[in-house]
Amino acid sequence: MTTVVETTAEDTKLARFRVVSLAEGVSFLILLGIAMPLKYAAHMPAPTMVFGMIHGLLFLAYLALAYAVKQTQDWDAKRFLVVLVASVLPTGPFWLHKSLKN
């Protein structure tokens, strides 16, 4: 017997946001934990430029998807503020990823 699971556009947006949230969190930790020490301790600025750009793009995607999910999930201002604050905390995206599980 096969079970059919319907996927709505809202579920897809939320799933996409959760993936981007994890990627943004990982890029933030790499930037802070690896690239920045290499820049200042080993005088190697290249990793900071590369991971800084990757993190910046993921951060912009995070913000855009957060707004899209806010619209589809009917988040109130408080919930949306928590999502925005989580994006600037080093482990915030990981906590958020877990809290958004369906």
C-alpha atoms as a PDB file:
ATOM      1  CA  MET A   1       0.000   0.000   0.000  1.00  0.00           C
ATOM      2  CA  THR A   2       1.411   3.364  -1.039  1.00  0.00           C
ATOM      3  CA  THR A   3       0.780   6.491   0.940  1.00  0.00           C
ATOM      4  CA  VAL A   4       0.430   9.704  -1.009  1.00  0.00           C
ATOM      5  CA  VAL A   5       1.675  12.805   0.750  1.00  0.00           C
ATOM      6  CA  GLU A   6       0.422  16.093  -0.577  1.00  0.00           C
ATOM      7  CA  THR A   7       2.967  18.887  -0.608  1.00  0.00           C
ATOM      8  CA  THR A   8       1.619  22.385  -0.598  1.00  0.00           C
ATOM      9  CA  ALA A   9       3.441  25.517  -1.714  1.00  0.00           C
ATOM     10  CA  GLU A  10       3.602  26.573   1.933  1.00  0.00           C
ATOM     11  CA  ASP A  11       5.336  23.323   2.905  1.00  0.00           C
ATOM     12  CA  THR A  12       7.815  23.744   0.053  1.00  0.00           C
ATOM     13  CA  LYS A  13       8.665  27.310   1.081  1.00  0.00           C
ATOM     14  CA  LEU A  14       9.113  26.262   4.687  1.00  0.00           C
ATOM     15  CA  ALA A  15      11.325  23.320   3.701  1.00  0.00           C
ATOM     16  CA  ARG A  16      13.422  25.566   1.460  1.00  0.00           C
ATOM     17  CA  PHE A  17      13.738  28.107   4.282  1.00  0.00           C
ATOM     18  CA  ARG A  18      14.864  25.406   6.719  1.00  0.00           C
ATOM     19  CA  VAL A  19      17.603  24.270   4.308  1.00  0.00           C
ATOM     20  CA  VAL A  20      18.798  27.834   3.711  1.00  0.00           C
ATOM     21  CA  SER A  21      18.713  28.440   7.472  1.00  0.00           C
ATOM     22  CA  LEU A  22      21.089  25.520   8.039  1.00  0.00           C
ATOM     23  CA  ALA A  23      23.376  26.582   5.191  1.00  0.00           C
ATOM     24  CA  GLU A  24      23.465  30.160   6.490  1.00  0.00           C
ATOM     25  CA  GLY A  25      24.307  28.926   9.984  1.00  0.00           C
ATOM     26  CA  VAL A  26      27.116  26.698   8.729  1.00  0.00           C
ATOM     27  CA  SER A  27      28.544  29.498   6.593  1.00  0.00           C
ATOM     28  CA  PHE A  28      28.439  31.844   9.591  1.00  0.00           C
ATOM     29  CA  LEU A  29      30.325  29.366  11.778  1.00  0.00           C
ATOM     30  CA  ILE A  30      32.931  28.764   9.049  1.00  0.00           C
ATOM     31  CA  LEU A  31      33.352  32.504   8.616  1.00  0.00           C
ATOM     32  CA  LEU A  32      33.750  33.119  12.362  1.00  0.00           C
ATOM     33  CA  GLY A  33      35.611  29.959  13.317  1.00  0.00           C
ATOM     34  CA  ILE A  34      37.924  29.355  10.377  1.00  0.00           C
ATOM     35  CA  ALA A  35      38.101  32.252   7.914  1.00  0.00           C
ATOM     36  CA  MET A  36      38.439  35.107  10.411  1.00  0.00           C
ATOM     37  CA  PRO A  37      41.209  33.416  12.451  1.00  0.00           C
ATOM     38  CA  LEU A  38      43.044  32.660   9.207  1.00  0.00           C
ATOM     39  CA  LYS A  39      42.745  36.290   8.184  1.00  0.00           C
ATOM     40  CA  TYR A  40      44.053  37.747  11.415  1.00  0.00           C
ATOM     41  CA  ALA A  41      46.361  35.027  12.777  1.00  0.00           C
ATOM     42  CA  ALA A  42      47.839  33.690   9.531  1.00  0.00           C
ATOM     43  CA  HIS A  43      47.412  36.822   7.380  1.00  0.00           C
ATOM     44  CA  MET A  44      45.349  34.906   4.814  1.00  0.00           C
ATOM     45  CA  PRO A  45      42.442  37.146   3.719  1.00  0.00           C
ATOM     46  CA  ALA A  46      41.238  34.951   0.834  1.00  0.00           C
ATOM     47  CA  PRO A  47      39.072  32.567   2.925  1.00  0.00           C
ATOM     48  CA  THR A  48      37.314  35.552   4.496  1.00  0.00           C
ATOM     49  CA  MET A  49      36.514  36.999   1.090  1.00  0.00           C
ATOM     50  CA  VAL A  50      35.188  33.690  -0.234  1.00  0.00           C
ATOM     51  CA  PHE A  51      33.176  32.658   2.812  1.00  0.00           C
ATOM     52  CA  GLY A  52      32.110  36.235   3.439  1.00  0.00           C
ATOM     53  CA  MET A  53      30.515  36.365  -0.009  1.00  0.00           C
ATOM     54  CA  ILE A  54      28.914  32.938   0.393  1.00  0.00           C
ATOM     55  CA  HIS A  55      27.581  33.874   3.812  1.00  0.00           C
ATOM     56  CA  GLY A  56      26.293  37.203   2.512  1.00  0.00           C
ATOM     57  CA  LEU A  57      24.366  35.557  -0.305  1.00  0.00           C
ATOM     58  CA  LEU A  58      22.925  32.947   2.039  1.00  0.00           C
ATOM     59  CA  PHE A  59      21.978  35.676   4.513  1.00  0.00           C
ATOM     60  CA  LEU A  60      20.073  37.548   1.794  1.00  0.00           C
ATOM     61  CA  ALA A  61      18.339  34.318   0.751  1.00  0.00           C
ATOM     62  CA  TYR A  62      17.493  33.687   4.423  1.00  0.00           C
ATOM     63  CA  LEU A  63      15.876  37.107   4.745  1.00  0.00           C
ATOM     64  CA  ALA A  64      13.914  36.785   1.487  1.00  0.00           C
ATOM     65  CA  LEU A  65      12.667  33.301   2.333  1.00  0.00           C
ATOM     66  CA  ALA A  66      11.865  34.319   5.908  1.00  0.00           C
ATOM     67  CA  TYR A  67       9.611  37.041   4.561  1.00  0.00           C
ATOM     68  CA  ALA A  68       7.963  34.646   2.081  1.00  0.00           C
ATOM     69  CA  VAL A  69       7.364  32.056   4.812  1.00  0.00           C
ATOM     70  CA  LYS A  70       6.035  34.778   7.125  1.00  0.00           C
ATOM     71  CA  GLN A  71       3.356  35.499   4.539  1.00  0.00           C
ATOM     72  CA  THR A  72       2.377  31.865   3.937  1.00  0.00           C
ATOM     73  CA  GLN A  73       2.564  30.735   7.582  1.00  0.00           C
ATOM     74  CA  ASP A  74       0.824  33.848   8.965  1.00  0.00           C
ATOM     75  CA  TRP A  75       3.600  34.601  11.432  1.00  0.00           C
ATOM     76  CA  ASP A  76       2.923  37.510  13.739  1.00  0.00           C
ATOM     77  CA  ALA A  77       5.464  40.313  14.228  1.00  0.00           C
ATOM     78  CA  LYS A  78       6.941  38.666  17.338  1.00  0.00           C
ATOM     79  CA  ARG A  79       7.615  35.354  15.558  1.00  0.00           C
ATOM     80  CA  PHE A  80       9.136  37.150  12.579  1.00  0.00           C
ATOM     81  CA  LEU A  81      11.373  39.188  14.908  1.00  0.00           C
ATOM     82  CA  VAL A  82      12.595  35.962  16.549  1.00  0.00           C
ATOM     83  CA  VAL A  83      13.431  34.577  13.079  1.00  0.00           C
ATOM     84  CA  LEU A  84      15.351  37.753  12.205  1.00  0.00           C
ATOM     85  CA  VAL A  85      17.271  37.770  15.500  1.00  0.00           C
ATOM     86  CA  ALA A  86      18.135  34.078  15.037  1.00  0.00           C
ATOM     87  CA  SER A  87      19.848  34.969  11.759  1.00  0.00           C
ATOM     88  CA  VAL A  88      22.494  37.095  13.492  1.00  0.00           C
ATOM     89  CA  LEU A  89      23.298  34.690  16.327  1.00  0.00           C
ATOM     90  CA  PRO A  90      26.008  32.101  15.597  1.00  0.00           C
ATOM     91  CA  THR A  91      23.805  29.123  16.567  1.00  0.00           C
ATOM     92  CA  GLY A  92      20.450  30.801  15.960  1.00  0.00           C
ATOM     93  CA  PRO A  93      19.755  29.188  12.572  1.00  0.00           C
ATOM     94  CA  PHE A  94      20.280  25.690  14.029  1.00  0.00           C
ATOM     95  CA  TRP A  95      17.822  26.346  16.855  1.00  0.00           C
ATOM     96  CA  LEU A  96      15.377  27.829  14.352  1.00  0.00           C
ATOM     97  CA  HIS A  97      15.727  24.847  12.001  1.00  0.00           C
ATOM     98  CA  LYS A  98      14.775  22.515  14.837  1.00  0.00           C
ATOM     99  CA  SER A  99      11.891  24.688  16.047  1.00  0.00           C
ATOM    100  CA  LEU A 100      10.334  24.875  12.574  1.00  0.00           C
ATOM    101  CA  LYS A 101       9.934  21.106  12.177  1.00  0.00           C
ATOM    102  CA  ASN A 102       6.442  20.135  11.129  1.00  0.00           C
END
